[in-house]
Amino acid sequence: MKQSNYIFKFSLLGLLVVVFFALDLIVGSVTIPFKEVLKSFSGGEIKSSWQYIIFDFRLPKAITAILAGASLSVAGLLMQTLFRNPLAGPFVLGVSSGASLGVALYIMGGTFIATTLGFAGLSNTGIILSAIIGALAVMFLVLTAGMKLKNNLTLLIVGIMFGSLTSAVVSILQYFSTAENVQRFVVWTMGSLSAVSMEEIAFIAPLVIITLIICIALQKPLNTLLLGENYARSLGTNIDKIRLIIIIITGLLAGTITAYTGPIAFIGIAIPHLSRNLFKTSNHNILIPSVILIGSIFMLICDVFSQLPGNSSTLPINSVSAIFGAPIVIWIIMKRN
C-alpha cells in the first residue's frame, strides 16, 4: 500500500513538473498559446518572434529553473542531514557569500581586478568566473577546516563565520565603490534565471546531473547520519569521508547555481521539509528524488509568478522565492516550537 502511495505521489509530482514547465513557456509579457508552443517543438511553422521568445529566452530559463530548484533543494537536504538541523541550508558553509565576494571584487574592485581576470570590462562571463572562483575559494577553506574539526556543530559555526567575513568585505567594497557599480552588484544579488544561455546550460546540466546521481548513491550513509555519528560509526560509516563528500557536493551544486543565477533564497531550507511532510519519511531513498521534483516545481512556479503577464518587467527571482519560501520556514519553526 505504501509503495503504491509513493508511486502515485511521484507520478503526480512528475506531471506537475511538465505542467509548470509548459506554463513557464506560455506565460510572459507576450502570452503564447499552448498549441503554438507544441507546434514549435514539433517543427511546425509559427511566428518568428514567438520562435525566438520560446527557444532563445523562455526554454533556457525554464531549464535553468529546474536545474536550480533541484540543485539547491538537494544541497539543503544534505546540509540538514549532516548538521541534523532543520534550518540548515545550502549556503550555511559560506559558499554563496564566497560567490558574492568574487562578484563584488570583479564589479566593484576596479579595472585592475577585471584585467587580471582577463576581461577588459564588465561582462557576464567575468561575473560567472568571479562567482565560481569565490565559491571555490570559500569551499576550499571550509574543506580545510573540515579535515581538522571533528565536530559538525563547530564546522557549522566556522562556515557561518566565513560567510560573515566575506559579507563584511563586500560591505567595505560597496562603501568605497561608485553608485553605478554598487547598483550592478545589487542587481546580481537579486538573482535571475534569464541570463543563462543554452551554451551555458550545456555545461551546467551534466555537472548537476552527475552530482545528483552521486547523491542518490549516498543514500545509505546519509540515512545512518540521521541516527547520530556514534551509531553511524558502529554501522561502518566513515564519518570524516562522508562529511567531506557532502561539503564538496553542496559546494558544487550551490556554487555553480549561484555563479550563473545569483543567490536564490529559501529553496534549500524549505523544500526538504515539504518533501518530508508529503511523503512522511526521512529515508533518503525517497527524499532525494522527491526534493529534486518538488524543488523543480517550486522554482518553475516562482519563475511563472516573476513574469508579470502582460508587462515587460520581470521580478527578481530571489524576491519571489523569498515570498513563497519564507512562510514555509516560519511554519517549520512554529510547528517544531
Protein backbone atom coordinates (compact mmCIF):
# COMPACT_ATOMS: atom_id res chain seq x y z
CA MET A 1 0.00 0.00 0.00
CA LYS A 2 2.83 2.38 0.97
CA GLN A 3 4.73 1.67 -2.24
CA SER A 4 1.68 2.34 -4.41
CA ASN A 5 1.18 5.60 -2.48
CA TYR A 6 4.79 6.62 -3.26
CA ILE A 7 4.31 5.76 -6.94
CA PHE A 8 1.14 7.88 -7.09
CA LYS A 9 2.84 10.86 -5.43
CA PHE A 10 5.94 10.64 -7.64
CA SER A 11 3.75 10.37 -10.73
CA LEU A 12 1.78 13.44 -9.63
CA LEU A 13 4.97 15.41 -9.00
CA GLY A 14 6.35 14.40 -12.39
CA LEU A 15 3.13 15.56 -14.05
CA LEU A 16 3.30 18.90 -12.19
CA VAL A 17 6.87 19.44 -13.43
CA VAL A 18 5.64 19.01 -17.02
CA VAL A 19 2.60 21.28 -16.44
CA PHE A 20 4.57 24.15 -14.89
CA PHE A 21 7.38 23.74 -17.42
CA ALA A 22 4.80 24.23 -20.19
CA LEU A 23 3.22 27.14 -18.30
CA ASP A 24 6.64 28.77 -17.99
CA LEU A 25 6.94 28.66 -21.79
CA ILE A 26 3.47 30.15 -22.28
CA VAL A 27 3.35 32.95 -19.69
CA GLY A 28 5.22 36.24 -20.01
CA SER A 29 4.98 39.75 -21.37
CA VAL A 30 3.79 38.05 -24.57
CA THR A 31 1.35 35.16 -23.99
CA ILE A 32 1.94 32.36 -26.50
CA PRO A 33 -0.89 29.81 -26.96
CA PHE A 34 -0.07 26.29 -25.83
CA LYS A 35 -0.80 24.80 -29.25
CA GLU A 36 1.72 27.21 -30.79
CA VAL A 37 4.33 26.10 -28.25
CA LEU A 38 3.65 22.46 -29.16
CA LYS A 39 3.84 23.35 -32.85
CA SER A 40 7.27 24.98 -32.37
CA PHE A 41 8.65 21.77 -30.81
CA SER A 42 7.11 19.53 -33.48
CA GLY A 43 8.74 21.51 -36.28
CA GLY A 44 5.64 23.39 -37.37
CA GLU A 45 5.72 26.97 -38.55
CA ILE A 46 4.88 29.74 -36.07
CA LYS A 47 5.64 33.45 -35.86
CA SER A 48 9.38 34.09 -35.99
CA SER A 49 9.08 36.37 -32.93
CA TRP A 50 7.37 33.59 -30.95
CA GLN A 51 10.01 31.12 -32.11
CA TYR A 52 12.72 33.44 -30.83
CA ILE A 53 10.98 34.02 -27.48
CA ILE A 54 10.46 30.29 -26.87
CA PHE A 55 13.87 28.91 -27.85
CA ASP A 56 16.19 31.81 -27.06
CA PHE A 57 14.59 33.11 -23.88
CA ARG A 58 11.90 31.01 -22.20
CA LEU A 59 13.24 27.50 -22.82
CA PRO A 60 16.73 28.19 -21.35
CA LYS A 61 15.06 29.98 -18.42
CA ALA A 62 12.70 27.07 -17.69
CA ILE A 63 15.54 24.52 -17.86
CA THR A 64 17.64 26.72 -15.56
CA ALA A 65 14.71 26.86 -13.10
CA ILE A 66 14.62 23.05 -12.96
CA LEU A 67 18.40 22.76 -12.52
CA ALA A 68 18.44 25.48 -9.84
CA GLY A 69 15.46 24.08 -7.94
CA ALA A 70 16.83 20.52 -7.95
CA SER A 71 20.40 21.56 -7.03
CA LEU A 72 19.57 23.93 -4.18
CA SER A 73 16.93 21.57 -2.74
CA VAL A 74 19.30 18.58 -2.66
CA ALA A 75 22.09 20.75 -1.25
CA GLY A 76 19.72 21.88 1.51
CA LEU A 77 18.71 18.30 2.28
CA LEU A 78 22.37 17.27 2.57
CA MET A 79 23.12 20.15 4.96
CA GLN A 80 20.09 19.36 7.15
CA THR A 81 21.16 15.72 7.29
CA LEU A 82 24.82 16.50 8.04
CA PHE A 83 24.13 19.00 10.81
CA ARG A 84 20.80 17.46 11.89
CA ASN A 85 19.45 21.00 11.91
CA PRO A 86 16.05 21.69 10.32
CA LEU A 87 17.05 25.26 9.42
CA ALA A 88 20.35 24.43 7.75
CA GLY A 89 20.51 25.38 4.07
CA PRO A 90 22.92 25.04 1.15
CA PHE A 91 24.61 28.36 1.99
CA VAL A 92 25.42 27.80 5.68
CA LEU A 93 29.02 26.96 4.73
CA GLY A 94 29.54 30.39 3.20
CA VAL A 95 29.57 29.21 -0.42
CA SER A 96 27.03 31.84 -1.50
CA SER A 97 28.93 34.54 0.37
CA GLY A 98 32.13 33.45 -1.37
CA ALA A 99 30.44 33.75 -4.75
CA SER A 100 29.12 37.18 -3.77
CA LEU A 101 32.62 38.27 -2.72
CA GLY A 102 34.05 37.13 -6.05
CA VAL A 103 31.42 39.10 -7.96
CA ALA A 104 31.87 42.13 -5.68
CA LEU A 105 35.62 42.13 -6.31
CA TYR A 106 35.03 41.88 -10.04
CA ILE A 107 32.35 44.57 -10.29
CA MET A 108 33.50 46.96 -7.55
CA GLY A 109 37.20 46.11 -7.28
CA GLY A 110 38.19 48.35 -10.15
CA THR A 111 39.74 47.88 -13.57
CA PHE A 112 42.79 46.08 -12.19
CA ILE A 113 40.78 43.07 -10.97
CA ALA A 114 38.85 42.87 -14.24
CA THR A 115 42.04 43.00 -16.30
CA THR A 116 43.74 40.41 -14.10
CA LEU A 117 40.83 38.03 -14.68
CA GLY A 118 41.28 38.54 -18.42
CA PHE A 119 38.31 40.76 -19.20
CA ALA A 120 38.75 44.33 -20.37
CA GLY A 121 35.35 45.36 -18.98
CA LEU A 122 32.39 44.05 -17.07
CA SER A 123 30.85 41.03 -18.78
CA ASN A 124 28.52 38.19 -17.91
CA THR A 125 31.39 35.71 -18.40
CA GLY A 126 33.56 37.69 -15.99
CA ILE A 127 30.82 37.76 -13.36
CA ILE A 128 30.27 33.98 -13.66
CA LEU A 129 34.00 33.24 -13.48
CA SER A 130 34.41 35.55 -10.47
CA ALA A 131 31.49 33.87 -8.65
CA ILE A 132 32.91 30.40 -9.30
CA ILE A 133 36.38 31.43 -8.07
CA GLY A 134 34.88 33.00 -4.93
CA ALA A 135 32.69 29.97 -4.17
CA LEU A 136 35.58 27.52 -4.72
CA ALA A 137 37.91 29.59 -2.51
CA VAL A 138 35.50 29.52 0.42
CA MET A 139 34.72 25.83 -0.18
CA PHE A 140 38.47 25.09 -0.05
CA LEU A 141 38.75 26.91 3.29
CA VAL A 142 35.76 25.02 4.69
CA LEU A 143 37.20 21.71 3.45
CA THR A 144 40.49 22.51 5.16
CA ALA A 145 38.63 23.30 8.38
CA GLY A 146 36.51 20.17 7.97
CA MET A 147 39.60 17.94 7.91
CA LYS A 148 40.77 19.40 11.24
CA LEU A 149 37.44 19.83 13.02
CA LYS A 150 35.70 16.64 14.09
CA ASN A 151 32.54 18.27 15.42
CA ASN A 152 29.76 19.16 12.99
CA LEU A 153 28.45 22.00 15.16
CA THR A 154 31.89 23.63 15.21
CA LEU A 155 32.13 23.26 11.43
CA LEU A 156 28.70 24.90 11.11
CA ILE A 157 29.87 27.87 13.19
CA VAL A 158 33.08 28.16 11.12
CA GLY A 159 31.02 28.19 7.92
CA ILE A 160 28.79 30.95 9.29
CA MET A 161 31.89 32.94 10.31
CA PHE A 162 33.33 32.60 6.79
CA GLY A 163 30.03 33.92 5.47
CA SER A 164 30.10 36.87 7.90
CA LEU A 165 33.70 37.68 6.99
CA THR A 166 33.05 37.73 3.26
CA SER A 167 29.89 39.80 3.79
CA ALA A 168 31.95 42.33 5.75
CA VAL A 169 34.47 42.62 2.90
CA VAL A 170 31.60 43.07 0.41
CA SER A 171 30.17 45.88 2.57
CA ILE A 172 33.55 47.65 2.59
CA LEU A 173 33.79 47.34 -1.21
CA GLN A 174 30.29 48.79 -1.55
CA TYR A 175 31.21 51.72 0.70
CA PHE A 176 34.18 52.72 -1.46
CA SER A 177 32.66 51.85 -4.85
CA THR A 178 30.75 54.05 -7.27
CA ALA A 179 26.94 54.16 -7.24
CA GLU A 180 26.85 52.59 -10.71
CA ASN A 181 28.94 49.56 -9.70
CA VAL A 182 27.03 49.12 -6.44
CA GLN A 183 23.80 49.07 -8.47
CA ARG A 184 25.23 46.40 -10.80
CA PHE A 185 26.20 44.27 -7.82
CA VAL A 186 22.80 44.70 -6.14
CA VAL A 187 21.06 43.65 -9.37
CA TRP A 188 23.19 40.47 -9.43
CA THR A 189 22.26 39.66 -5.80
CA MET A 190 18.57 39.81 -6.77
CA GLY A 191 19.04 36.68 -8.86
CA SER A 192 18.00 35.98 -12.44
CA LEU A 193 17.25 32.85 -14.45
CA SER A 194 17.16 34.67 -17.78
CA ALA A 195 20.91 35.35 -18.02
CA VAL A 196 21.77 31.67 -18.67
CA SER A 197 22.14 30.66 -22.33
CA MET A 198 21.75 27.18 -23.85
CA GLU A 199 25.54 27.01 -24.27
CA GLU A 200 25.98 27.59 -20.53
CA ILE A 201 23.23 25.07 -19.74
CA ALA A 202 25.22 22.51 -21.76
CA PHE A 203 27.96 22.95 -19.14
CA ILE A 204 25.75 23.22 -16.03
CA ALA A 205 23.35 20.34 -16.76
CA PRO A 206 25.92 17.47 -16.94
CA LEU A 207 27.65 18.74 -13.79
CA VAL A 208 24.37 18.93 -11.88
CA ILE A 209 23.09 15.56 -13.16
CA ILE A 210 26.34 13.72 -12.30
CA THR A 211 26.40 15.30 -8.83
CA LEU A 212 22.76 14.35 -8.19
CA ILE A 213 23.47 10.75 -9.25
CA ILE A 214 26.33 10.66 -6.72
CA CYS A 215 23.88 11.91 -4.07
CA ILE A 216 21.46 9.09 -4.87
CA ALA A 217 24.35 6.62 -4.45
CA LEU A 218 24.98 8.03 -0.95
CA GLN A 219 21.50 7.15 0.38
CA LYS A 220 22.75 4.53 2.84
CA PRO A 221 25.39 6.59 4.67
CA LEU A 222 23.04 9.60 4.67
CA ASN A 223 20.37 7.53 6.41
CA THR A 224 22.87 6.36 9.03
CA LEU A 225 23.83 10.00 9.80
CA LEU A 226 20.24 10.60 10.96
CA LEU A 227 20.86 8.12 13.78
CA GLY A 228 23.80 10.09 15.18
CA GLU A 229 27.52 9.98 14.50
CA ASN A 230 28.36 7.31 17.07
CA TYR A 231 25.68 4.92 15.82
CA ALA A 232 26.65 5.66 12.22
CA ARG A 233 30.28 4.73 13.00
CA SER A 234 29.11 1.49 14.59
CA LEU A 235 27.36 0.65 11.32
CA GLY A 236 30.63 1.14 9.40
CA THR A 237 30.07 4.68 8.07
CA ASN A 238 33.26 6.69 7.63
CA ILE A 239 32.03 9.98 9.12
CA ASP A 240 35.02 12.10 8.05
CA LYS A 241 34.85 10.84 4.47
CA ILE A 242 31.09 11.26 4.07
CA ARG A 243 31.24 14.74 5.60
CA LEU A 244 33.88 15.88 3.11
CA ILE A 245 31.89 14.37 0.22
CA ILE A 246 28.74 16.22 1.38
CA ILE A 247 30.66 19.52 1.64
CA ILE A 248 32.11 19.08 -1.87
CA ILE A 249 28.73 18.15 -3.37
CA THR A 250 26.97 21.06 -1.63
CA GLY A 251 29.71 23.45 -2.75
CA LEU A 252 29.47 22.28 -6.36
CA LEU A 253 25.67 22.43 -6.52
CA ALA A 254 25.16 25.69 -4.65
CA GLY A 255 28.29 27.37 -6.02
CA THR A 256 27.54 26.57 -9.67
CA ILE A 257 23.91 27.69 -9.49
CA THR A 258 24.80 30.87 -7.59
CA ALA A 259 27.51 31.71 -10.12
CA TYR A 260 25.10 31.57 -13.04
CA THR A 261 21.84 32.81 -11.47
CA GLY A 262 22.90 34.83 -8.44
CA PRO A 263 21.85 33.87 -4.89
CA ILE A 264 18.38 32.32 -4.60
CA ALA A 265 17.00 32.20 -1.06
CA PHE A 266 14.89 29.74 0.94
CA ILE A 267 14.72 26.93 -1.64
CA GLY A 268 17.28 24.76 0.15
CA ILE A 269 15.69 25.25 3.57
CA ALA A 270 12.01 24.91 2.67
CA ILE A 271 11.86 22.13 0.05
CA PRO A 272 13.29 19.24 2.15
CA HIS A 273 10.60 19.93 4.78
CA LEU A 274 7.84 19.95 2.17
CA SER A 275 9.14 16.61 0.94
CA ARG A 276 9.25 15.08 4.43
CA ASN A 277 5.70 16.22 5.13
CA LEU A 278 4.38 14.97 1.79
CA PHE A 279 5.99 11.52 1.96
CA LYS A 280 6.04 11.12 5.77
CA THR A 281 9.55 9.67 5.76
CA SER A 282 13.18 10.53 6.46
CA ASN A 283 14.50 7.84 4.12
CA HIS A 284 16.86 9.45 1.59
CA ASN A 285 15.90 6.79 -0.92
CA ILE A 286 12.58 8.65 -1.15
CA LEU A 287 13.65 12.15 -0.11
CA ILE A 288 16.38 12.76 -2.72
CA PRO A 289 14.21 12.14 -5.83
CA SER A 290 11.26 13.90 -4.18
CA VAL A 291 13.20 17.10 -3.35
CA ILE A 292 14.52 17.12 -6.94
CA LEU A 293 10.94 17.11 -8.26
CA ILE A 294 9.45 19.47 -5.65
CA GLY A 295 12.40 21.88 -5.95
CA SER A 296 11.95 21.95 -9.74
CA ILE A 297 8.21 22.63 -9.38
CA PHE A 298 8.83 25.35 -6.79
CA MET A 299 11.34 27.18 -8.97
CA LEU A 300 9.12 26.92 -12.04
CA ILE A 301 6.20 28.40 -10.05
CA CYS A 302 8.47 31.23 -8.83
CA ASP A 303 9.57 31.90 -12.40
CA VAL A 304 5.98 31.96 -13.67
CA PHE A 305 4.98 34.47 -10.97
CA SER A 306 8.04 36.61 -11.69
CA GLN A 307 6.92 37.11 -15.30
CA LEU A 308 4.16 39.65 -14.59
CA PRO A 309 1.92 38.59 -17.54
CA GLY A 310 1.15 41.48 -19.88
CA ASN A 311 4.06 43.52 -18.51
CA SER A 312 7.58 43.73 -19.91
CA SER A 313 9.07 43.84 -16.38
CA THR A 314 10.33 40.77 -14.53
CA LEU A 315 10.51 40.49 -10.75
CA PRO A 316 13.84 39.39 -9.18
CA ILE A 317 13.69 35.63 -8.70
CA ASN A 318 15.34 35.91 -5.27
CA SER A 319 12.46 38.11 -4.06
CA VAL A 320 9.78 35.76 -5.42
CA SER A 321 11.42 32.68 -3.87
CA ALA A 322 11.59 34.52 -0.53
CA ILE A 323 7.89 35.45 -0.72
CA PHE A 324 6.95 31.77 -1.20
CA GLY A 325 9.76 30.21 0.87
CA ALA A 326 9.79 32.41 3.99
CA PRO A 327 6.23 31.45 5.12
CA ILE A 328 7.20 27.78 4.82
CA VAL A 329 10.25 28.32 7.04
CA ILE A 330 8.11 30.24 9.57
CA TRP A 331 5.63 27.35 9.56
CA ILE A 332 8.51 24.91 10.19
CA ILE A 333 9.72 26.93 13.19
CA MET A 334 6.21 27.22 14.69
CA LYS A 335 5.48 23.53 14.12
CA ARG A 336 8.71 22.49 15.87
CA ASN A 337 8.31 25.11 18.64
